[in-house]
């Protein structure tokens, strides 16, 4: 759905969320989402997301070079302001 983000960005703001993924277990628990920032368009949110991901990757590379292995990976997602990823999913 290539144009879905474009159409949604005409009607809403976008929120950059961060969350920690537990990579130490095959059945991770639902991640805790945190708001990082808000943006007027998906495109601007996506640029910010890529910048945060690059910073997180540099930190991970540094930790690995020091012989430290982490069990968590920080990830980022852009959602419309009408979506709260912390909310329980239907049927849960």
C-alpha atoms as a PDB file:
ATOM      1  CA  UNK A   1       0.000   0.000   0.000  1.00  0.00           C
ATOM      2  CA  UNK A   2       2.404   2.585  -1.267  1.00  0.00           C
ATOM      3  CA  UNK A   3       0.024   5.546  -1.197  1.00  0.00           C
ATOM      4  CA  UNK A   4      -1.699   4.760   2.100  1.00  0.00           C
ATOM      5  CA  UNK A   5       0.719   6.883   4.134  1.00  0.00           C
ATOM      6  CA  UNK A   6       0.282   9.786   1.717  1.00  0.00           C
ATOM      7  CA  UNK A   7      -3.508   9.681   1.933  1.00  0.00           C
ATOM      8  CA  UNK A   8      -3.478   9.369   5.735  1.00  0.00           C
ATOM      9  CA  UNK A   9      -0.989  12.236   6.052  1.00  0.00           C
ATOM     10  CA  UNK A  10      -3.556  14.554   4.450  1.00  0.00           C
ATOM     11  CA  UNK A  11      -5.913  14.019   7.388  1.00  0.00           C
ATOM     12  CA  UNK A  12      -3.790  13.513  10.489  1.00  0.00           C
ATOM     13  CA  UNK A  13      -0.526  14.091  12.266  1.00  0.00           C
ATOM     14  CA  UNK A  14       2.075  11.379  12.756  1.00  0.00           C
ATOM     15  CA  UNK A  15       3.708  10.190  15.956  1.00  0.00           C
ATOM     16  CA  UNK A  16       7.131   8.565  16.212  1.00  0.00           C
ATOM     17  CA  UNK A  17       7.060   5.758  18.781  1.00  0.00           C
ATOM     18  CA  UNK A  18      10.015   3.836  20.201  1.00  0.00           C
ATOM     19  CA  UNK A  19       9.938   0.411  21.784  1.00  0.00           C
ATOM     20  CA  UNK A  20      12.335  -2.209  23.087  1.00  0.00           C
ATOM     21  CA  UNK A  21      12.269  -5.632  21.483  1.00  0.00           C
ATOM     22  CA  UNK A  22      13.442  -8.537  23.640  1.00  0.00           C
ATOM     23  CA  UNK A  23      15.558 -10.714  21.350  1.00  0.00           C
ATOM     24  CA  UNK A  24      16.601 -13.134  24.082  1.00  0.00           C
ATOM     25  CA  UNK A  25      13.403 -15.183  23.998  1.00  0.00           C
ATOM     26  CA  UNK A  26      11.514 -16.911  21.172  1.00  0.00           C
ATOM     27  CA  UNK A  27       8.172 -15.654  22.575  1.00  0.00           C
ATOM     28  CA  UNK A  28       8.724 -12.026  23.514  1.00  0.00           C
ATOM     29  CA  UNK A  29       6.132 -10.086  25.462  1.00  0.00           C
ATOM     30  CA  UNK A  30       4.314  -7.141  23.943  1.00  0.00           C
ATOM     31  CA  UNK A  31       6.797  -4.237  23.784  1.00  0.00           C
ATOM     32  CA  UNK A  32       6.379  -1.059  25.800  1.00  0.00           C
ATOM     33  CA  UNK A  33       5.888   1.850  23.405  1.00  0.00           C
ATOM     34  CA  UNK A  34       7.044   5.387  24.208  1.00  0.00           C
ATOM     35  CA  UNK A  35       6.299   8.586  22.312  1.00  0.00           C
ATOM     36  CA  UNK A  36       9.410  10.178  20.832  1.00  0.00           C
ATOM     37  CA  UNK A  37       7.952  13.110  18.849  1.00  0.00           C
ATOM     38  CA  UNK A  38       5.074  14.283  16.643  1.00  0.00           C
ATOM     39  CA  UNK A  39       5.127  15.419  13.001  1.00  0.00           C
ATOM     40  CA  UNK A  40       2.812  17.011  10.462  1.00  0.00           C
ATOM     41  CA  UNK A  41       3.469  14.381   7.780  1.00  0.00           C
ATOM     42  CA  UNK A  42       4.502  10.753   7.441  1.00  0.00           C
ATOM     43  CA  UNK A  43       7.498  11.732   5.332  1.00  0.00           C
ATOM     44  CA  UNK A  44       8.973  13.943   8.068  1.00  0.00           C
ATOM     45  CA  UNK A  45       8.260  11.276  10.698  1.00  0.00           C
ATOM     46  CA  UNK A  46       9.996   8.660   8.536  1.00  0.00           C
ATOM     47  CA  UNK A  47      13.110  10.840   8.181  1.00  0.00           C
ATOM     48  CA  UNK A  48      13.248  11.243  11.973  1.00  0.00           C
ATOM     49  CA  UNK A  49      12.740   7.480  12.401  1.00  0.00           C
ATOM     50  CA  UNK A  50      15.653   6.702  10.102  1.00  0.00           C
ATOM     51  CA  UNK A  51      17.867   9.136  12.024  1.00  0.00           C
ATOM     52  CA  UNK A  52      16.964   7.503  15.353  1.00  0.00           C
ATOM     53  CA  UNK A  53      17.585   4.039  13.851  1.00  0.00           C
ATOM     54  CA  UNK A  54      21.019   5.097  12.589  1.00  0.00           C
ATOM     55  CA  UNK A  55      21.947   6.396  16.052  1.00  0.00           C
ATOM     56  CA  UNK A  56      20.694   3.176  17.682  1.00  0.00           C
ATOM     57  CA  UNK A  57      22.701   1.095  15.194  1.00  0.00           C
ATOM     58  CA  UNK A  58      25.887   3.049  15.931  1.00  0.00           C
ATOM     59  CA  UNK A  59      25.394   2.416  19.638  1.00  0.00           C
ATOM     60  CA  UNK A  60      24.765  -1.302  19.005  1.00  0.00           C
ATOM     61  CA  UNK A  61      27.908  -1.535  16.838  1.00  0.00           C
ATOM     62  CA  UNK A  62      29.904   0.175  19.607  1.00  0.00           C
ATOM     63  CA  UNK A  63      28.566  -2.244  22.246  1.00  0.00           C
ATOM     64  CA  UNK A  64      29.362  -5.274  20.078  1.00  0.00           C
ATOM     65  CA  UNK A  65      32.883  -3.971  19.410  1.00  0.00           C
ATOM     66  CA  UNK A  66      33.386  -3.778  23.185  1.00  0.00           C
ATOM     67  CA  UNK A  67      32.272  -7.415  23.529  1.00  0.00           C
ATOM     68  CA  UNK A  68      28.915  -6.572  25.052  1.00  0.00           C
ATOM     69  CA  UNK A  69      25.896  -8.402  23.744  1.00  0.00           C
ATOM     70  CA  UNK A  70      22.506  -6.931  24.392  1.00  0.00           C
ATOM     71  CA  UNK A  71      19.218  -8.733  24.742  1.00  0.00           C
ATOM     72  CA  UNK A  72      17.116  -5.783  23.660  1.00  0.00           C
ATOM     73  CA  UNK A  73      16.919  -3.803  20.442  1.00  0.00           C
ATOM     74  CA  UNK A  74      15.352  -0.340  20.334  1.00  0.00           C
ATOM     75  CA  UNK A  75      13.050   0.038  17.348  1.00  0.00           C
ATOM     76  CA  UNK A  76      11.003   2.917  15.985  1.00  0.00           C
ATOM     77  CA  UNK A  77       7.665   3.167  14.174  1.00  0.00           C
ATOM     78  CA  UNK A  78       5.563   6.004  12.795  1.00  0.00           C
ATOM     79  CA  UNK A  79       1.831   5.753  13.449  1.00  0.00           C
ATOM     80  CA  UNK A  80      -0.991   8.184  12.660  1.00  0.00           C
ATOM     81  CA  UNK A  81      -2.026  10.198  15.691  1.00  0.00           C
ATOM     82  CA  UNK A  82      -5.281   8.229  15.690  1.00  0.00           C
ATOM     83  CA  UNK A  83      -3.408   4.981  16.460  1.00  0.00           C
ATOM     84  CA  UNK A  84      -2.099   4.065  19.891  1.00  0.00           C
ATOM     85  CA  UNK A  85       0.089   0.941  19.701  1.00  0.00           C
ATOM     86  CA  UNK A  86      -0.177   0.541  23.482  1.00  0.00           C
ATOM     87  CA  UNK A  87      -3.904  -0.173  23.240  1.00  0.00           C
ATOM     88  CA  UNK A  88      -4.954  -3.814  23.478  1.00  0.00           C
ATOM     89  CA  UNK A  89      -5.732  -5.480  20.179  1.00  0.00           C
ATOM     90  CA  UNK A  90      -9.312  -6.490  19.449  1.00  0.00           C
ATOM     91  CA  UNK A  91     -10.117  -9.904  20.863  1.00  0.00           C
ATOM     92  CA  UNK A  92      -7.264  -9.769  23.408  1.00  0.00           C
END
